[in-house]
Each structure stands twice: as structure tokens, then as C-alpha cells.
Amino acid sequence: MESGRKGIKVEGEPGKADKKPIKDDRKAIIIKYVSENGFITNKQAREMLGLADSTTKRILKEMVMEGKLLIEGERKARKYLLKE
């Protein structure tokens, strides 16, 4: 018999189906922050959400592709603003 966790769902552990609401919540937090403060940086989003740099970049990039945010600036000076 194979040991390991493949195919076993542990109670209280999020599965793939549970990830979309979490991502949507994170995006809503970013939108609220930008609407109140004018912009957000990757660093601000990362610290606020408690996520890794790569995860934060991916979420912000998705939001740009979805037409929710605009990019201003390059590299470390990059800011994300609400698309009007």
C-alpha cells in the first residue's frame, strides 16, 4: 500500500476548489487599499497580505490583465493604480 497524502483530504485543509474565493478576497483588499490611498506597491501589497513576492506579483499582474489596475513606473518605482 502506498503511503502519503495524495488523494487524501484532511479536514480543515483548503483544497484547489477553495483557492478562488481566497484570491478574490485578496484582490478585494488590494482594490480597497488603492481606492483609499491612490496606489499600491508590490511591497505594500506583500506586507499587507503576508504573501511571498512572487505570489503578490502574480496577483497584481492578473489584476492588470483583468483591467482592474494600471501600472505606473518601472521596477522598484512601480505603482499600481485603479483603472478608471
N, C-alpha and C. Protein backbone atom coordinates (compact mmCIF):
# COMPACT_ATOMS: atom_id res chain seq x y z
N MET A 1 0.83 -1.18 0.00
CA MET A 1 0.00 0.00 0.00
C MET A 1 0.87 1.24 0.00
N GLU A 2 0.48 2.23 -0.76
CA GLU A 2 1.26 3.46 -0.89
C GLU A 2 0.95 4.38 0.28
N SER A 3 2.01 4.87 0.92
CA SER A 3 1.80 5.83 2.00
C SER A 3 1.96 7.23 1.43
N GLY A 4 1.43 8.18 2.10
CA GLY A 4 1.49 9.57 1.63
C GLY A 4 0.12 10.18 1.67
N ARG A 5 0.04 11.41 1.16
CA ARG A 5 -1.21 12.16 1.28
C ARG A 5 -1.95 12.32 -0.02
N LYS A 6 -1.41 11.80 -1.12
CA LYS A 6 -2.05 12.01 -2.41
C LYS A 6 -3.49 11.49 -2.39
N GLY A 7 -4.40 12.36 -2.74
CA GLY A 7 -5.80 11.97 -2.83
C GLY A 7 -6.53 11.99 -1.50
N ILE A 8 -5.85 12.32 -0.42
CA ILE A 8 -6.48 12.34 0.89
C ILE A 8 -6.75 13.79 1.28
N LYS A 9 -7.99 14.07 1.62
CA LYS A 9 -8.36 15.42 2.05
C LYS A 9 -8.42 15.44 3.57
N VAL A 10 -7.62 16.30 4.16
CA VAL A 10 -7.59 16.46 5.60
C VAL A 10 -8.61 17.53 5.97
N GLU A 11 -9.41 17.27 6.98
CA GLU A 11 -10.42 18.24 7.40
C GLU A 11 -9.77 19.55 7.80
N GLY A 12 -10.34 20.65 7.31
CA GLY A 12 -9.82 21.97 7.62
C GLY A 12 -8.71 22.42 6.69
N GLU A 13 -8.27 21.54 5.82
CA GLU A 13 -7.21 21.89 4.87
C GLU A 13 -7.85 22.35 3.56
N PRO A 14 -7.47 23.53 3.05
CA PRO A 14 -8.08 24.00 1.81
C PRO A 14 -7.67 23.14 0.62
N GLY A 15 -8.61 22.93 -0.27
CA GLY A 15 -8.34 22.21 -1.49
C GLY A 15 -8.30 23.18 -2.65
N LYS A 16 -8.06 22.66 -3.86
CA LYS A 16 -7.98 23.54 -5.03
C LYS A 16 -9.27 24.33 -5.25
N ALA A 17 -10.39 23.72 -4.98
CA ALA A 17 -11.67 24.39 -5.20
C ALA A 17 -11.84 25.59 -4.27
N ASP A 18 -11.10 25.62 -3.17
CA ASP A 18 -11.23 26.70 -2.20
C ASP A 18 -10.35 27.90 -2.51
N LYS A 19 -9.45 27.81 -3.48
CA LYS A 19 -8.48 28.88 -3.73
C LYS A 19 -9.08 30.12 -4.36
N LYS A 20 -10.07 30.00 -5.23
CA LYS A 20 -10.62 31.17 -5.92
C LYS A 20 -11.21 32.19 -4.94
N PRO A 21 -12.01 31.77 -3.96
CA PRO A 21 -12.52 32.78 -3.01
C PRO A 21 -11.40 33.50 -2.27
N ILE A 22 -10.33 32.79 -1.93
CA ILE A 22 -9.21 33.42 -1.23
C ILE A 22 -8.56 34.46 -2.14
N LYS A 23 -8.35 34.11 -3.41
CA LYS A 23 -7.74 35.04 -4.36
C LYS A 23 -8.64 36.26 -4.56
N ASP A 24 -9.95 36.02 -4.66
CA ASP A 24 -10.89 37.13 -4.83
C ASP A 24 -10.87 38.05 -3.60
N ASP A 25 -10.75 37.47 -2.41
CA ASP A 25 -10.67 38.27 -1.19
C ASP A 25 -9.41 39.14 -1.20
N ARG A 26 -8.31 38.55 -1.63
CA ARG A 26 -7.05 39.29 -1.69
C ARG A 26 -7.15 40.45 -2.68
N LYS A 27 -7.77 40.19 -3.82
CA LYS A 27 -7.94 41.24 -4.82
C LYS A 27 -8.83 42.35 -4.29
N ALA A 28 -9.88 41.99 -3.55
CA ALA A 28 -10.78 42.99 -2.97
C ALA A 28 -10.04 43.86 -1.96
N ILE A 29 -9.14 43.27 -1.19
CA ILE A 29 -8.34 44.02 -0.22
C ILE A 29 -7.45 45.01 -0.94
N ILE A 30 -6.84 44.58 -2.05
CA ILE A 30 -5.97 45.46 -2.84
C ILE A 30 -6.77 46.61 -3.42
N ILE A 31 -7.94 46.32 -3.99
CA ILE A 31 -8.80 47.36 -4.58
C ILE A 31 -9.18 48.39 -3.52
N LYS A 32 -9.57 47.92 -2.34
CA LYS A 32 -9.97 48.82 -1.26
C LYS A 32 -8.79 49.72 -0.86
N TYR A 33 -7.60 49.12 -0.73
CA TYR A 33 -6.42 49.90 -0.35
C TYR A 33 -6.12 50.97 -1.39
N VAL A 34 -6.15 50.59 -2.67
CA VAL A 34 -5.83 51.55 -3.74
C VAL A 34 -6.88 52.66 -3.79
N SER A 35 -8.14 52.30 -3.59
CA SER A 35 -9.18 53.34 -3.64
C SER A 35 -9.03 54.33 -2.49
N GLU A 36 -8.52 53.88 -1.35
CA GLU A 36 -8.34 54.76 -0.19
C GLU A 36 -7.02 55.53 -0.23
N ASN A 37 -5.98 54.95 -0.88
CA ASN A 37 -4.64 55.54 -0.83
C ASN A 37 -4.10 56.02 -2.17
N GLY A 38 -4.81 55.76 -3.25
CA GLY A 38 -4.39 56.24 -4.57
C GLY A 38 -3.56 55.26 -5.36
N PHE A 39 -2.75 54.46 -4.68
CA PHE A 39 -1.91 53.46 -5.36
C PHE A 39 -1.43 52.44 -4.34
N ILE A 40 -0.83 51.37 -4.85
CA ILE A 40 -0.20 50.36 -4.00
C ILE A 40 1.06 49.89 -4.71
N THR A 41 2.09 49.55 -3.94
CA THR A 41 3.31 48.97 -4.49
C THR A 41 3.29 47.47 -4.19
N ASN A 42 4.15 46.74 -4.87
CA ASN A 42 4.27 45.31 -4.60
C ASN A 42 4.61 45.10 -3.13
N LYS A 43 5.54 45.88 -2.61
CA LYS A 43 5.97 45.72 -1.22
C LYS A 43 4.81 45.96 -0.26
N GLN A 44 4.02 47.01 -0.50
CA GLN A 44 2.87 47.29 0.37
C GLN A 44 1.87 46.14 0.33
N ALA A 45 1.58 45.65 -0.88
CA ALA A 45 0.62 44.54 -1.02
C ALA A 45 1.16 43.30 -0.33
N ARG A 46 2.44 43.02 -0.52
CA ARG A 46 3.07 41.83 0.06
C ARG A 46 2.99 41.88 1.59
N GLU A 47 3.32 43.01 2.17
CA GLU A 47 3.29 43.15 3.63
C GLU A 47 1.86 43.09 4.17
N MET A 48 0.93 43.72 3.45
CA MET A 48 -0.46 43.75 3.89
C MET A 48 -1.10 42.36 3.84
N LEU A 49 -0.80 41.61 2.78
CA LEU A 49 -1.41 40.29 2.60
C LEU A 49 -0.59 39.16 3.23
N GLY A 50 0.67 39.43 3.58
CA GLY A 50 1.51 38.40 4.17
C GLY A 50 1.87 37.30 3.18
N LEU A 51 2.12 37.69 1.94
CA LEU A 51 2.42 36.72 0.89
C LEU A 51 3.85 36.83 0.40
N ALA A 52 4.28 35.83 -0.33
CA ALA A 52 5.60 35.84 -0.96
C ALA A 52 5.60 36.86 -2.10
N ASP A 53 6.79 37.35 -2.43
CA ASP A 53 6.94 38.32 -3.51
C ASP A 53 6.35 37.80 -4.82
N SER A 54 6.66 36.57 -5.17
CA SER A 54 6.18 36.02 -6.45
C SER A 54 4.66 35.90 -6.49
N THR A 55 4.06 35.54 -5.37
CA THR A 55 2.59 35.42 -5.31
C THR A 55 1.94 36.79 -5.46
N THR A 56 2.51 37.78 -4.79
CA THR A 56 1.98 39.14 -4.87
C THR A 56 2.09 39.68 -6.29
N LYS A 57 3.25 39.46 -6.92
CA LYS A 57 3.43 39.90 -8.31
C LYS A 57 2.41 39.25 -9.23
N ARG A 58 2.16 37.98 -9.02
CA ARG A 58 1.20 37.25 -9.85
C ARG A 58 -0.21 37.82 -9.70
N ILE A 59 -0.62 38.11 -8.47
CA ILE A 59 -1.95 38.67 -8.23
C ILE A 59 -2.07 40.05 -8.87
N LEU A 60 -1.06 40.91 -8.67
CA LEU A 60 -1.10 42.26 -9.25
C LEU A 60 -1.11 42.19 -10.77
N LYS A 61 -0.32 41.29 -11.35
CA LYS A 61 -0.29 41.13 -12.81
C LYS A 61 -1.66 40.68 -13.33
N GLU A 62 -2.29 39.75 -12.63
CA GLU A 62 -3.63 39.30 -13.02
C GLU A 62 -4.61 40.46 -13.00
N MET A 63 -4.51 41.29 -11.98
CA MET A 63 -5.43 42.43 -11.86
C MET A 63 -5.21 43.43 -12.98
N VAL A 64 -3.98 43.60 -13.43
CA VAL A 64 -3.69 44.47 -14.58
C VAL A 64 -4.30 43.85 -15.83
N MET A 65 -4.12 42.55 -16.02
CA MET A 65 -4.65 41.87 -17.20
C MET A 65 -6.18 41.86 -17.21
N GLU A 66 -6.79 41.85 -16.04
CA GLU A 66 -8.26 41.89 -15.92
C GLU A 66 -8.80 43.31 -16.11
N GLY A 67 -7.91 44.29 -16.20
CA GLY A 67 -8.34 45.67 -16.40
C GLY A 67 -8.74 46.39 -15.13
N LYS A 68 -8.36 45.84 -13.98
CA LYS A 68 -8.71 46.47 -12.70
C LYS A 68 -7.66 47.49 -12.25
N LEU A 69 -6.40 47.25 -12.61
CA LEU A 69 -5.32 48.14 -12.20
C LEU A 69 -4.49 48.58 -13.40
N LEU A 70 -3.83 49.72 -13.25
CA LEU A 70 -2.86 50.22 -14.23
C LEU A 70 -1.49 50.25 -13.58
N ILE A 71 -0.45 50.10 -14.39
CA ILE A 71 0.92 50.17 -13.90
C ILE A 71 1.48 51.55 -14.20
N GLU A 72 2.16 52.12 -13.21
CA GLU A 72 2.88 53.38 -13.39
C GLU A 72 4.30 53.18 -12.86
N GLY A 73 5.28 53.49 -13.68
CA GLY A 73 6.67 53.37 -13.25
C GLY A 73 7.29 52.02 -13.60
N GLU A 74 8.58 51.93 -13.36
CA GLU A 74 9.35 50.73 -13.68
C GLU A 74 9.98 50.14 -12.43
N ARG A 75 10.15 48.87 -12.44
CA ARG A 75 10.85 48.10 -11.41
C ARG A 75 10.48 48.51 -9.99
N LYS A 76 11.45 48.97 -9.21
CA LYS A 76 11.19 49.29 -7.79
C LYS A 76 10.29 50.51 -7.61
N ALA A 77 10.21 51.36 -8.62
CA ALA A 77 9.35 52.55 -8.54
C ALA A 77 7.93 52.26 -9.05
N ARG A 78 7.65 51.00 -9.38
CA ARG A 78 6.34 50.65 -9.96
C ARG A 78 5.23 50.80 -8.92
N LYS A 79 4.16 51.43 -9.37
CA LYS A 79 2.96 51.60 -8.56
C LYS A 79 1.77 51.05 -9.34
N TYR A 80 0.79 50.58 -8.64
CA TYR A 80 -0.44 50.08 -9.26
C TYR A 80 -1.57 51.01 -8.85
N LEU A 81 -2.30 51.52 -9.86
CA LEU A 81 -3.40 52.45 -9.65
C LEU A 81 -4.69 51.84 -10.16
N LEU A 82 -5.82 52.34 -9.67
CA LEU A 82 -7.11 51.87 -10.17
C LEU A 82 -7.30 52.34 -11.60
N LYS A 83 -7.80 51.47 -12.44
CA LYS A 83 -8.14 51.85 -13.80
C LYS A 83 -9.49 52.54 -13.75
N GLU A 84 -9.57 53.72 -14.35
CA GLU A 84 -10.82 54.49 -14.29
C GLU A 84 -11.68 54.28 -15.50
